[in-house]
Amino acid sequence: MTTVLQAMERKDKRRETLTKIRKEGNIPAVVYGPKKPNMSIFLSESDLQKTIKDVGRNGIISLEINGNKQNVILTDYQVDPLKNGFVHVDFLAVDMTKEITADVNVTLVGDAAGVKDGGVMQQSLFEVSVSAKPADIPGSIDVDVSNLQVGETITISDLNVPYTINHDEDVVIASILAPRQEEEISSGEKQEEGTPENEEGRETKASNESKSNE
């Protein structure tokens, strides 16, 4: 079921007006679409938070502006890191019969067999781009790693999903490193942070100093 979210058109774009909107518990936003001029609006932040919780990050929202409803999805947003609240959001007006592209979070689920054997889980991809009709865009993609063994990987080609993933099939999503391999990676990183001069470097330096003394 589509959730209805109330909004009002915003024609005054002055800074002081935006400040007033936010002080009243609302947030400025923009609605755009391929065959639609951009429209500036504002809406209740608490209502938006509740709606996203109900429908998910990529869920379909029925946005009602001045009495007119249109289907939209949340495409972008800005957050105040101190208040952990929205500062501005963008909505895309969608045609439910046509495919769109959206970014979807990737979540690893299950206790990997390789980790139980001492391996170290490494997630390489946390978000993917997918193309599908608006109603078929998932809120997230759960990747089961229960059977993943040490030295094995899961790639895009291993996903069995009813929509298009816009990445090469050999892109790695997750892998399990052997304990020694993990230690070598950590050791290599520490050595790069403060690599000592090699013997050849010290000899060259000594030679130069000797010449200068001559």
N, C-alpha and C. Protein backbone atom coordinates (compact mmCIF):
# COMPACT_ATOMS: atom_id res chain seq x y z
N MET A 1 0.82 -1.19 0.00
CA MET A 1 0.00 0.00 0.00
C MET A 1 0.87 1.25 0.00
N THR A 2 0.51 2.23 -0.82
CA THR A 2 1.28 3.46 -0.92
C THR A 2 0.95 4.40 0.24
N THR A 3 1.97 4.96 0.85
CA THR A 3 1.79 5.89 1.96
C THR A 3 1.65 7.30 1.44
N VAL A 4 0.68 8.06 1.96
CA VAL A 4 0.45 9.43 1.54
C VAL A 4 1.21 10.38 2.46
N LEU A 5 1.94 11.30 1.86
CA LEU A 5 2.71 12.29 2.61
C LEU A 5 2.30 13.68 2.15
N GLN A 6 1.90 14.52 3.10
CA GLN A 6 1.43 15.86 2.78
C GLN A 6 2.61 16.82 2.61
N ALA A 7 2.49 17.73 1.63
CA ALA A 7 3.51 18.76 1.40
C ALA A 7 2.84 20.01 0.86
N MET A 8 3.55 21.11 0.95
CA MET A 8 3.05 22.39 0.43
C MET A 8 4.08 22.99 -0.52
N GLU A 9 3.58 23.64 -1.57
CA GLU A 9 4.48 24.27 -2.53
C GLU A 9 5.21 25.44 -1.83
N ARG A 10 6.46 25.63 -2.21
CA ARG A 10 7.29 26.68 -1.61
C ARG A 10 7.78 27.61 -2.72
N LYS A 11 7.22 28.82 -2.76
CA LYS A 11 7.59 29.78 -3.80
C LYS A 11 8.63 30.79 -3.32
N ASP A 12 8.66 31.04 -2.03
CA ASP A 12 9.64 31.97 -1.46
C ASP A 12 10.91 31.19 -1.11
N LYS A 13 12.01 31.49 -1.80
CA LYS A 13 13.25 30.73 -1.62
C LYS A 13 14.32 31.51 -0.87
N ARG A 14 13.92 32.59 -0.20
CA ARG A 14 14.90 33.38 0.55
C ARG A 14 15.44 32.58 1.74
N ARG A 15 16.68 32.90 2.13
CA ARG A 15 17.34 32.19 3.21
C ARG A 15 16.55 32.27 4.52
N GLU A 16 16.00 33.46 4.81
CA GLU A 16 15.26 33.61 6.06
C GLU A 16 13.99 32.77 6.07
N THR A 17 13.41 32.55 4.88
CA THR A 17 12.22 31.71 4.78
C THR A 17 12.58 30.25 5.06
N LEU A 18 13.71 29.81 4.53
CA LEU A 18 14.16 28.43 4.78
C LEU A 18 14.45 28.22 6.26
N THR A 19 15.04 29.24 6.90
CA THR A 19 15.33 29.15 8.33
C THR A 19 14.03 29.02 9.13
N LYS A 20 13.03 29.80 8.75
CA LYS A 20 11.74 29.76 9.43
C LYS A 20 11.08 28.39 9.25
N ILE A 21 11.16 27.83 8.04
CA ILE A 21 10.58 26.52 7.75
C ILE A 21 11.18 25.46 8.67
N ARG A 22 12.49 25.50 8.83
CA ARG A 22 13.16 24.49 9.65
C ARG A 22 12.85 24.68 11.13
N LYS A 23 12.74 25.92 11.57
CA LYS A 23 12.43 26.19 12.98
C LYS A 23 11.03 25.69 13.34
N GLU A 24 10.15 25.62 12.36
CA GLU A 24 8.78 25.17 12.59
C GLU A 24 8.64 23.66 12.48
N GLY A 25 9.77 22.95 12.36
CA GLY A 25 9.74 21.49 12.29
C GLY A 25 9.53 20.93 10.91
N ASN A 26 9.69 21.79 9.89
CA ASN A 26 9.53 21.34 8.50
C ASN A 26 10.89 21.33 7.81
N ILE A 27 10.93 20.73 6.62
CA ILE A 27 12.17 20.74 5.84
C ILE A 27 11.86 21.11 4.40
N PRO A 28 12.73 21.88 3.76
CA PRO A 28 12.55 22.20 2.34
C PRO A 28 12.89 20.99 1.49
N ALA A 29 12.25 20.91 0.33
CA ALA A 29 12.48 19.77 -0.56
C ALA A 29 12.22 20.19 -2.00
N VAL A 30 12.61 19.31 -2.92
CA VAL A 30 12.39 19.54 -4.35
C VAL A 30 11.81 18.27 -4.96
N VAL A 31 10.82 18.45 -5.85
CA VAL A 31 10.27 17.33 -6.63
C VAL A 31 10.66 17.56 -8.08
N TYR A 32 11.21 16.53 -8.73
CA TYR A 32 11.61 16.67 -10.13
C TYR A 32 11.26 15.39 -10.87
N GLY A 33 11.27 15.46 -12.18
CA GLY A 33 10.95 14.29 -13.00
C GLY A 33 11.30 14.57 -14.45
N PRO A 34 11.36 13.52 -15.29
CA PRO A 34 11.76 13.69 -16.69
C PRO A 34 10.82 14.58 -17.49
N LYS A 35 9.54 14.58 -17.19
CA LYS A 35 8.59 15.40 -17.93
C LYS A 35 7.88 16.38 -17.00
N LYS A 36 8.61 16.84 -16.01
CA LYS A 36 7.99 17.68 -14.99
C LYS A 36 8.97 18.76 -14.55
N PRO A 37 8.54 20.02 -14.53
CA PRO A 37 9.43 21.08 -14.05
C PRO A 37 9.68 20.91 -12.55
N ASN A 38 10.86 21.29 -12.10
CA ASN A 38 11.19 21.19 -10.69
C ASN A 38 10.22 22.02 -9.86
N MET A 39 9.78 21.48 -8.73
CA MET A 39 8.89 22.21 -7.83
C MET A 39 9.49 22.21 -6.43
N SER A 40 9.62 23.41 -5.85
CA SER A 40 10.11 23.55 -4.48
C SER A 40 8.94 23.39 -3.52
N ILE A 41 9.14 22.57 -2.49
CA ILE A 41 8.08 22.30 -1.52
C ILE A 41 8.65 22.30 -0.11
N PHE A 42 7.80 22.14 0.89
CA PHE A 42 8.26 21.86 2.24
C PHE A 42 7.26 20.92 2.89
N LEU A 43 7.73 20.16 3.88
CA LEU A 43 6.90 19.16 4.52
C LEU A 43 7.40 18.90 5.93
N SER A 44 6.57 18.23 6.73
CA SER A 44 6.91 17.94 8.11
C SER A 44 8.05 16.92 8.17
N GLU A 45 9.11 17.24 8.94
CA GLU A 45 10.22 16.31 9.07
C GLU A 45 9.79 15.04 9.80
N SER A 46 8.98 15.19 10.83
CA SER A 46 8.54 14.01 11.60
C SER A 46 7.68 13.09 10.72
N ASP A 47 6.84 13.68 9.87
CA ASP A 47 6.02 12.87 8.96
C ASP A 47 6.90 12.11 7.97
N LEU A 48 7.95 12.79 7.47
CA LEU A 48 8.86 12.14 6.53
C LEU A 48 9.60 10.99 7.20
N GLN A 49 10.10 11.22 8.41
CA GLN A 49 10.80 10.17 9.15
C GLN A 49 9.92 8.94 9.33
N LYS A 50 8.67 9.18 9.70
CA LYS A 50 7.73 8.08 9.91
C LYS A 50 7.44 7.34 8.59
N THR A 51 7.30 8.11 7.51
CA THR A 51 7.01 7.51 6.21
C THR A 51 8.14 6.62 5.75
N ILE A 52 9.39 7.10 5.89
CA ILE A 52 10.54 6.30 5.48
C ILE A 52 10.63 5.03 6.31
N LYS A 53 10.31 5.14 7.58
CA LYS A 53 10.31 3.96 8.45
C LYS A 53 9.26 2.95 7.99
N ASP A 54 8.13 3.45 7.50
CA ASP A 54 7.04 2.57 7.06
C ASP A 54 7.33 1.91 5.71
N VAL A 55 7.82 2.70 4.73
CA VAL A 55 7.95 2.19 3.36
C VAL A 55 9.38 1.79 3.00
N GLY A 56 10.37 2.23 3.79
CA GLY A 56 11.75 1.92 3.45
C GLY A 56 12.40 3.02 2.64
N ARG A 57 13.74 2.91 2.52
CA ARG A 57 14.52 3.95 1.84
C ARG A 57 14.11 4.15 0.38
N ASN A 58 13.74 3.09 -0.31
CA ASN A 58 13.37 3.19 -1.73
C ASN A 58 11.88 2.94 -1.97
N GLY A 59 11.07 3.09 -0.92
CA GLY A 59 9.64 2.83 -1.06
C GLY A 59 8.91 3.92 -1.85
N ILE A 60 7.75 3.54 -2.38
CA ILE A 60 6.92 4.49 -3.12
C ILE A 60 6.11 5.33 -2.15
N ILE A 61 6.16 6.65 -2.35
CA ILE A 61 5.41 7.59 -1.51
C ILE A 61 4.42 8.35 -2.39
N SER A 62 3.19 8.44 -1.92
CA SER A 62 2.20 9.27 -2.61
C SER A 62 2.29 10.66 -2.02
N LEU A 63 2.94 11.56 -2.73
CA LEU A 63 3.17 12.91 -2.23
C LEU A 63 2.00 13.80 -2.66
N GLU A 64 1.29 14.35 -1.68
CA GLU A 64 0.15 15.22 -1.97
C GLU A 64 0.56 16.67 -1.80
N ILE A 65 0.55 17.41 -2.90
CA ILE A 65 0.95 18.82 -2.91
C ILE A 65 -0.24 19.66 -3.35
N ASN A 66 -0.71 20.49 -2.45
CA ASN A 66 -1.86 21.36 -2.75
C ASN A 66 -3.05 20.56 -3.29
N GLY A 67 -3.26 19.37 -2.74
CA GLY A 67 -4.41 18.56 -3.12
C GLY A 67 -4.16 17.60 -4.27
N ASN A 68 -3.01 17.70 -4.94
CA ASN A 68 -2.68 16.83 -6.07
C ASN A 68 -1.67 15.77 -5.64
N LYS A 69 -1.97 14.49 -5.93
CA LYS A 69 -1.10 13.39 -5.54
C LYS A 69 -0.24 12.92 -6.70
N GLN A 70 1.00 12.54 -6.39
CA GLN A 70 1.87 11.94 -7.39
C GLN A 70 2.82 10.96 -6.69
N ASN A 71 3.16 9.89 -7.38
CA ASN A 71 4.06 8.88 -6.83
C ASN A 71 5.50 9.35 -6.94
N VAL A 72 6.22 9.27 -5.83
CA VAL A 72 7.62 9.70 -5.82
C VAL A 72 8.45 8.71 -5.01
N ILE A 73 9.76 8.79 -5.17
CA ILE A 73 10.69 8.09 -4.29
C ILE A 73 11.74 9.10 -3.82
N LEU A 74 12.29 8.85 -2.65
CA LEU A 74 13.34 9.71 -2.11
C LEU A 74 14.65 9.36 -2.81
N THR A 75 15.26 10.35 -3.46
CA THR A 75 16.49 10.07 -4.21
C THR A 75 17.75 10.60 -3.54
N ASP A 76 17.62 11.70 -2.83
CA ASP A 76 18.80 12.29 -2.20
C ASP A 76 18.37 13.09 -0.97
N TYR A 77 19.28 13.25 -0.03
CA TYR A 77 18.96 14.02 1.16
C TYR A 77 20.23 14.54 1.82
N GLN A 78 20.08 15.63 2.56
CA GLN A 78 21.17 16.20 3.35
C GLN A 78 20.78 16.11 4.82
N VAL A 79 21.75 15.75 5.65
CA VAL A 79 21.47 15.55 7.07
C VAL A 79 22.36 16.46 7.91
N ASP A 80 21.80 17.00 8.97
CA ASP A 80 22.57 17.77 9.94
C ASP A 80 23.25 16.77 10.88
N PRO A 81 24.59 16.67 10.84
CA PRO A 81 25.28 15.66 11.66
C PRO A 81 25.13 15.88 13.16
N LEU A 82 24.89 17.11 13.58
CA LEU A 82 24.75 17.39 15.01
C LEU A 82 23.36 17.02 15.52
N LYS A 83 22.33 17.38 14.75
CA LYS A 83 20.96 17.09 15.17
C LYS A 83 20.45 15.75 14.64
N ASN A 84 21.23 15.17 13.68
CA ASN A 84 20.84 13.90 13.07
C ASN A 84 19.44 13.99 12.46
N GLY A 85 19.17 15.13 11.82
CA GLY A 85 17.88 15.34 11.17
C GLY A 85 18.07 15.81 9.74
N PHE A 86 17.02 15.73 8.95
CA PHE A 86 17.10 16.16 7.56
C PHE A 86 17.25 17.67 7.45
N VAL A 87 18.03 18.11 6.47
CA VAL A 87 18.17 19.52 6.15
C VAL A 87 17.46 19.83 4.84
N HIS A 88 17.53 18.89 3.90
CA HIS A 88 16.89 19.06 2.59
C HIS A 88 16.74 17.68 1.96
N VAL A 89 15.67 17.48 1.19
CA VAL A 89 15.48 16.19 0.50
C VAL A 89 15.03 16.42 -0.94
N ASP A 90 15.34 15.43 -1.79
CA ASP A 90 14.92 15.45 -3.19
C ASP A 90 14.01 14.26 -3.46
N PHE A 91 12.91 14.51 -4.17
CA PHE A 91 11.99 13.45 -4.57
C PHE A 91 11.97 13.35 -6.09
N LEU A 92 11.93 12.12 -6.59
CA LEU A 92 11.78 11.89 -8.03
C LEU A 92 10.36 11.43 -8.31
N ALA A 93 9.66 12.17 -9.17
CA ALA A 93 8.32 11.75 -9.59
C ALA A 93 8.48 10.58 -10.56
N VAL A 94 7.78 9.47 -10.31
CA VAL A 94 8.01 8.25 -11.09
C VAL A 94 6.75 7.81 -11.84
N ASP A 95 6.99 7.15 -12.97
CA ASP A 95 5.96 6.46 -13.72
C ASP A 95 6.05 5.00 -13.31
N MET A 96 5.01 4.46 -12.72
CA MET A 96 5.07 3.11 -12.16
C MET A 96 5.26 2.03 -13.23
N THR A 97 5.09 2.39 -14.50
CA THR A 97 5.22 1.41 -15.58
C THR A 97 6.62 1.41 -16.21
N LYS A 98 7.47 2.33 -15.80
CA LYS A 98 8.80 2.46 -16.41
C LYS A 98 9.90 2.23 -15.39
N GLU A 99 11.01 1.67 -15.88
CA GLU A 99 12.13 1.38 -15.00
C GLU A 99 12.85 2.65 -14.56
N ILE A 100 13.37 2.61 -13.35
CA ILE A 100 14.22 3.68 -12.84
C ILE A 100 15.48 3.05 -12.27
N THR A 101 16.45 3.87 -11.96
CA THR A 101 17.69 3.39 -11.36
C THR A 101 17.81 3.96 -9.95
N ALA A 102 18.18 3.11 -9.01
CA ALA A 102 18.31 3.55 -7.61
C ALA A 102 19.46 2.82 -6.94
N ASP A 103 20.03 3.46 -5.91
CA ASP A 103 21.09 2.83 -5.12
C ASP A 103 20.47 2.06 -3.96
N VAL A 104 20.95 0.84 -3.74
CA VAL A 104 20.38 -0.03 -2.72
C VAL A 104 21.51 -0.55 -1.82
N ASN A 105 21.27 -0.52 -0.51
CA ASN A 105 22.26 -1.01 0.45
C ASN A 105 22.40 -2.53 0.38
N VAL A 106 23.61 -3.01 0.59
CA VAL A 106 23.89 -4.45 0.63
C VAL A 106 24.17 -4.85 2.07
N THR A 107 23.45 -5.86 2.57
CA THR A 107 23.59 -6.31 3.95
C THR A 107 23.98 -7.79 3.97
N LEU A 108 25.04 -8.12 4.69
CA LEU A 108 25.45 -9.51 4.84
C LEU A 108 24.67 -10.14 5.98
N VAL A 109 24.10 -11.32 5.73
CA VAL A 109 23.31 -12.00 6.76
C VAL A 109 23.84 -13.42 6.96
N GLY A 110 23.70 -13.92 8.18
CA GLY A 110 24.15 -15.27 8.49
C GLY A 110 25.54 -15.28 9.11
N ASP A 111 25.86 -16.38 9.78
CA ASP A 111 27.17 -16.57 10.38
C ASP A 111 28.01 -17.43 9.45
N ALA A 112 29.02 -16.83 8.85
CA ALA A 112 29.83 -17.52 7.85
C ALA A 112 30.63 -18.67 8.46
N ALA A 113 30.62 -19.80 7.75
CA ALA A 113 31.36 -20.98 8.22
C ALA A 113 32.85 -20.67 8.32
N GLY A 114 33.37 -19.88 7.37
CA GLY A 114 34.79 -19.56 7.37
C GLY A 114 35.22 -18.72 8.55
N VAL A 115 34.33 -17.86 9.02
CA VAL A 115 34.64 -17.04 10.19
C VAL A 115 34.72 -17.93 11.43
N LYS A 116 33.83 -18.91 11.52
CA LYS A 116 33.86 -19.85 12.65
C LYS A 116 35.17 -20.63 12.67
N ASP A 117 35.79 -20.80 11.48
CA ASP A 117 37.06 -21.53 11.39
C ASP A 117 38.26 -20.61 11.58
N GLY A 118 38.01 -19.35 11.91
CA GLY A 118 39.12 -18.43 12.18
C GLY A 118 39.38 -17.41 11.09
N GLY A 119 38.64 -17.48 10.00
CA GLY A 119 38.81 -16.52 8.91
C GLY A 119 38.24 -15.15 9.27
N VAL A 120 38.57 -14.17 8.44
CA VAL A 120 38.12 -12.80 8.68
C VAL A 120 37.23 -12.34 7.53
N MET A 121 36.00 -11.94 7.85
CA MET A 121 35.05 -11.47 6.84
C MET A 121 35.47 -10.10 6.34
N GLN A 122 35.45 -9.92 5.03
CA GLN A 122 35.75 -8.62 4.44
C GLN A 122 34.64 -8.27 3.44
N GLN A 123 33.90 -7.20 3.73
CA GLN A 123 32.84 -6.74 2.82
C GLN A 123 33.41 -5.64 1.94
N SER A 124 33.40 -5.86 0.62
CA SER A 124 33.99 -4.91 -0.32
C SER A 124 32.97 -3.96 -0.93
N LEU A 125 31.70 -4.37 -0.93
CA LEU A 125 30.66 -3.58 -1.59
C LEU A 125 29.50 -3.38 -0.61
N PHE A 126 29.17 -2.13 -0.35
CA PHE A 126 28.11 -1.83 0.63
C PHE A 126 26.86 -1.27 -0.04
N GLU A 127 26.94 -0.94 -1.33
CA GLU A 127 25.81 -0.37 -2.04
C GLU A 127 25.90 -0.72 -3.51
N VAL A 128 24.78 -1.01 -4.14
CA VAL A 128 24.76 -1.32 -5.57
C VAL A 128 23.70 -0.49 -6.27
N SER A 129 23.91 -0.29 -7.55
CA SER A 129 22.93 0.41 -8.39
C SER A 129 22.05 -0.64 -9.07
N VAL A 130 20.74 -0.48 -8.98
CA VAL A 130 19.82 -1.43 -9.61
C VAL A 130 18.83 -0.69 -10.49
N SER A 131 18.31 -1.38 -11.49
CA SER A 131 17.29 -0.83 -12.38
C SER A 131 16.08 -1.75 -12.37
N ALA A 132 14.90 -1.16 -12.14
CA ALA A 132 13.65 -1.92 -12.09
C ALA A 132 12.49 -0.93 -12.09
N LYS A 133 11.28 -1.45 -12.21
CA LYS A 133 10.12 -0.60 -12.06
C LYS A 133 10.06 -0.14 -10.61
N PRO A 134 9.54 1.05 -10.35
CA PRO A 134 9.57 1.62 -9.00
C PRO A 134 9.09 0.67 -7.90
N ALA A 135 8.03 -0.07 -8.16
CA ALA A 135 7.48 -0.97 -7.13
C ALA A 135 8.39 -2.16 -6.87
N ASP A 136 9.36 -2.43 -7.77
CA ASP A 136 10.23 -3.59 -7.63
C ASP A 136 11.61 -3.25 -7.09
N ILE A 137 11.85 -1.97 -6.82
CA ILE A 137 13.14 -1.58 -6.24
C ILE A 137 13.16 -2.03 -4.78
N PRO A 138 14.14 -2.86 -4.39
CA PRO A 138 14.17 -3.36 -3.00
C PRO A 138 14.66 -2.31 -2.01
N GLY A 139 14.25 -2.46 -0.76
CA GLY A 139 14.74 -1.57 0.28
C GLY A 139 16.21 -1.82 0.58
N SER A 140 16.62 -3.08 0.49
CA SER A 140 18.01 -3.48 0.66
C SER A 140 18.19 -4.86 0.04
N ILE A 141 19.42 -5.26 -0.16
CA ILE A 141 19.72 -6.58 -0.70
C ILE A 141 20.45 -7.37 0.39
N ASP A 142 19.82 -8.46 0.83
CA ASP A 142 20.43 -9.32 1.84
C ASP A 142 21.23 -10.42 1.16
N VAL A 143 22.48 -10.54 1.52
CA VAL A 143 23.37 -11.55 0.94
C VAL A 143 23.71 -12.58 2.01
N ASP A 144 23.29 -13.82 1.80
CA ASP A 144 23.53 -14.89 2.78
C ASP A 144 24.97 -15.40 2.66
N VAL A 145 25.73 -15.26 3.74
CA VAL A 145 27.14 -15.68 3.73
C VAL A 145 27.36 -16.92 4.60
N SER A 146 26.29 -17.58 4.98
CA SER A 146 26.39 -18.72 5.91
C SER A 146 27.35 -19.81 5.42
N ASN A 147 27.34 -20.09 4.11
CA ASN A 147 28.15 -21.19 3.57
C ASN A 147 29.51 -20.74 3.06
N LEU A 148 29.86 -19.48 3.26
CA LEU A 148 31.12 -18.96 2.73
C LEU A 148 32.30 -19.48 3.56
N GLN A 149 33.27 -20.10 2.86
CA GLN A 149 34.44 -20.69 3.50
C GLN A 149 35.66 -19.77 3.36
N VAL A 150 36.69 -20.06 4.14
CA VAL A 150 37.94 -19.30 4.05
C VAL A 150 38.48 -19.37 2.62
N GLY A 151 38.83 -18.22 2.05
CA GLY A 151 39.36 -18.16 0.69
C GLY A 151 38.29 -18.01 -0.38
N GLU A 152 37.02 -18.09 -0.01
CA GLU A 152 35.94 -17.97 -0.98
C GLU A 152 35.41 -16.54 -1.04
N THR A 153 34.75 -16.22 -2.16
CA THR A 153 34.17 -14.89 -2.35
C THR A 153 32.74 -15.00 -2.87
N ILE A 154 31.99 -13.94 -2.67
CA ILE A 154 30.66 -13.79 -3.27
C ILE A 154 30.73 -12.58 -4.20
N THR A 155 30.32 -12.78 -5.44
CA THR A 155 30.35 -11.70 -6.42
C THR A 155 28.94 -11.37 -6.90
N ILE A 156 28.85 -10.34 -7.70
CA ILE A 156 27.56 -9.92 -8.26
C ILE A 156 26.88 -11.08 -8.99
N SER A 157 27.67 -11.91 -9.68
CA SER A 157 27.10 -13.02 -10.45
C SER A 157 26.41 -14.06 -9.57
N ASP A 158 26.71 -14.06 -8.27
CA ASP A 158 26.10 -15.03 -7.35
C ASP A 158 24.71 -14.60 -6.88
N LEU A 159 24.33 -13.36 -7.16
CA LEU A 159 23.03 -12.87 -6.72
C LEU A 159 21.94 -13.31 -7.68
N ASN A 160 20.89 -13.90 -7.15
CA ASN A 160 19.75 -14.32 -7.97
C ASN A 160 18.57 -13.40 -7.66
N VAL A 161 18.46 -12.32 -8.43
CA VAL A 161 17.45 -11.30 -8.15
C VAL A 161 16.64 -10.99 -9.41
N PRO A 162 15.39 -10.54 -9.25
CA PRO A 162 14.51 -10.29 -10.40
C PRO A 162 14.63 -8.89 -10.99
N TYR A 163 15.77 -8.25 -10.80
CA TYR A 163 15.98 -6.91 -11.35
C TYR A 163 17.42 -6.81 -11.83
N THR A 164 17.73 -5.75 -12.54
CA THR A 164 19.06 -5.59 -13.12
C THR A 164 20.00 -4.90 -12.15
N ILE A 165 21.16 -5.50 -11.94
CA ILE A 165 22.20 -4.87 -11.13
C ILE A 165 23.24 -4.27 -12.07
N ASN A 166 23.48 -2.99 -11.92
CA ASN A 166 24.33 -2.25 -12.86
C ASN A 166 25.81 -2.29 -12.49
N HIS A 167 26.32 -3.50 -12.29
CA HIS A 167 27.74 -3.69 -11.99
C HIS A 167 28.24 -4.91 -12.75
N ASP A 168 29.54 -4.98 -13.00
CA ASP A 168 30.11 -6.16 -13.65
C ASP A 168 29.90 -7.39 -12.77
N GLU A 169 29.72 -8.53 -13.40
CA GLU A 169 29.42 -9.76 -12.66
C GLU A 169 30.56 -10.21 -11.75
N ASP A 170 31.80 -9.81 -12.07
CA ASP A 170 32.93 -10.28 -11.27
C ASP A 170 33.26 -9.35 -10.10
N VAL A 171 32.46 -8.31 -9.89
CA VAL A 171 32.70 -7.42 -8.76
C VAL A 171 32.46 -8.18 -7.45
N VAL A 172 33.43 -8.12 -6.54
CA VAL A 172 33.35 -8.86 -5.28
C VAL A 172 32.50 -8.11 -4.25
N ILE A 173 31.58 -8.83 -3.65
CA ILE A 173 30.74 -8.26 -2.59
C ILE A 173 31.37 -8.54 -1.22
N ALA A 174 31.77 -9.79 -1.00
CA ALA A 174 32.35 -10.18 0.28
C ALA A 174 33.28 -11.36 0.08
N SER A 175 34.24 -11.47 0.98
CA SER A 175 35.18 -12.60 0.93
C SER A 175 35.66 -12.89 2.36
N ILE A 176 36.24 -14.06 2.53
CA ILE A 176 36.79 -14.43 3.83
C ILE A 176 38.28 -14.67 3.70
N LEU A 177 39.04 -13.85 4.41
CA LEU A 177 40.49 -13.95 4.37
C LEU A 177 40.96 -14.96 5.40
N ALA A 178 42.05 -15.66 5.04
CA ALA A 178 42.67 -16.55 6.01
C ALA A 178 43.31 -15.71 7.10
N PRO A 179 43.42 -16.21 8.32
CA PRO A 179 44.02 -15.43 9.42
C PRO A 179 45.39 -14.88 9.10
N ARG A 180 46.27 -15.68 8.46
CA ARG A 180 47.62 -15.23 8.12
C ARG A 180 47.56 -14.10 7.12
N GLN A 181 46.67 -14.20 6.12
CA GLN A 181 46.54 -13.17 5.11
C GLN A 181 46.12 -11.85 5.74
N GLU A 182 45.21 -11.91 6.71
CA GLU A 182 44.76 -10.71 7.40
C GLU A 182 45.91 -10.08 8.17
N GLU A 183 46.76 -10.93 8.81
CA GLU A 183 47.90 -10.43 9.56
C GLU A 183 48.91 -9.77 8.63
N GLU A 184 49.12 -10.36 7.44
CA GLU A 184 50.07 -9.79 6.49
C GLU A 184 49.60 -8.44 5.99
N ILE A 185 48.29 -8.29 5.77
CA ILE A 185 47.73 -7.01 5.31
C ILE A 185 47.95 -5.94 6.38
N SER A 186 47.66 -6.29 7.64
CA SER A 186 47.82 -5.35 8.74
C SER A 186 49.28 -4.97 8.91
N SER A 187 50.18 -5.98 8.81
CA SER A 187 51.61 -5.73 8.97
C SER A 187 52.13 -4.83 7.86
N GLY A 188 51.64 -5.07 6.63
CA GLY A 188 52.07 -4.27 5.49
C GLY A 188 51.65 -2.82 5.63
N GLU A 189 50.45 -2.58 6.15
CA GLU A 189 49.96 -1.23 6.34
C GLU A 189 50.81 -0.49 7.37
N LYS A 190 51.21 -1.17 8.47
CA LYS A 190 52.02 -0.54 9.50
C LYS A 190 53.39 -0.19 8.96
N GLN A 191 53.96 -1.08 8.11
CA GLN A 191 55.29 -0.83 7.58
C GLN A 191 55.29 0.36 6.65
N GLU A 192 54.20 0.54 5.87
CA GLU A 192 54.12 1.66 4.95
C GLU A 192 54.04 2.99 5.70
N GLU A 193 53.44 2.96 6.90
CA GLU A 193 53.29 4.19 7.68
C GLU A 193 54.65 4.73 8.10
N GLY A 194 55.62 3.87 8.38
CA GLY A 194 56.93 4.34 8.82
C GLY A 194 58.02 3.45 8.29
N THR A 195 58.24 3.38 6.97
CA THR A 195 59.24 2.51 6.37
C THR A 195 60.64 3.05 6.64
N PRO A 196 61.53 2.27 7.29
CA PRO A 196 62.89 2.75 7.59
C PRO A 196 63.72 2.83 6.32
N GLU A 197 64.77 3.64 6.37
CA GLU A 197 65.66 3.70 5.22
C GLU A 197 66.33 2.35 5.04
N ASN A 198 66.55 1.94 3.78
CA ASN A 198 67.24 0.68 3.56
C ASN A 198 68.74 0.90 3.65
N GLU A 199 69.48 -0.21 3.62
CA GLU A 199 70.93 -0.13 3.78
C GLU A 199 71.54 0.70 2.67
N GLU A 200 71.01 0.53 1.45
CA GLU A 200 71.56 1.26 0.31
C GLU A 200 71.37 2.76 0.51
N GLY A 201 70.21 3.13 1.07
CA GLY A 201 69.93 4.54 1.31
C GLY A 201 70.90 5.13 2.31
N ARG A 202 71.23 4.36 3.38
CA ARG A 202 72.17 4.86 4.39
C ARG A 202 73.58 5.00 3.82
N GLU A 203 73.97 4.02 2.97
CA GLU A 203 75.29 4.07 2.37
C GLU A 203 75.43 5.28 1.46
N THR A 204 74.39 5.57 0.68
CA THR A 204 74.41 6.72 -0.22
C THR A 204 74.53 8.01 0.56
N LYS A 205 73.78 8.10 1.68
CA LYS A 205 73.81 9.28 2.52
C LYS A 205 75.20 9.47 3.12
N ALA A 206 75.81 8.36 3.59
CA ALA A 206 77.14 8.42 4.18
C ALA A 206 78.16 8.86 3.15
N SER A 207 78.01 8.34 1.92
CA SER A 207 78.94 8.67 0.85
C SER A 207 78.89 10.14 0.51
N ASN A 208 77.67 10.69 0.47
CA ASN A 208 77.49 12.11 0.15
C ASN A 208 78.11 12.99 1.22
N GLU A 209 77.94 12.58 2.51
CA GLU A 209 78.51 13.35 3.60
C GLU A 209 80.04 13.35 3.54
N SER A 210 80.59 12.16 3.13
CA SER A 210 82.03 12.03 3.04
C SER A 210 82.58 12.96 1.97
N LYS A 211 81.89 13.04 0.83
CA LYS A 211 82.35 13.91 -0.26
C LYS A 211 82.30 15.37 0.14
N SER A 212 81.25 15.72 0.89
CA SER A 212 81.12 17.13 1.28
C SER A 212 82.23 17.52 2.23
N ASN A 213 82.70 16.54 3.09
CA ASN A 213 83.78 16.84 4.02
C ASN A 213 85.10 17.03 3.31
N GLU A 214 85.23 16.32 2.15
CA GLU A 214 86.48 16.46 1.38
C GLU A 214 86.59 17.88 0.83
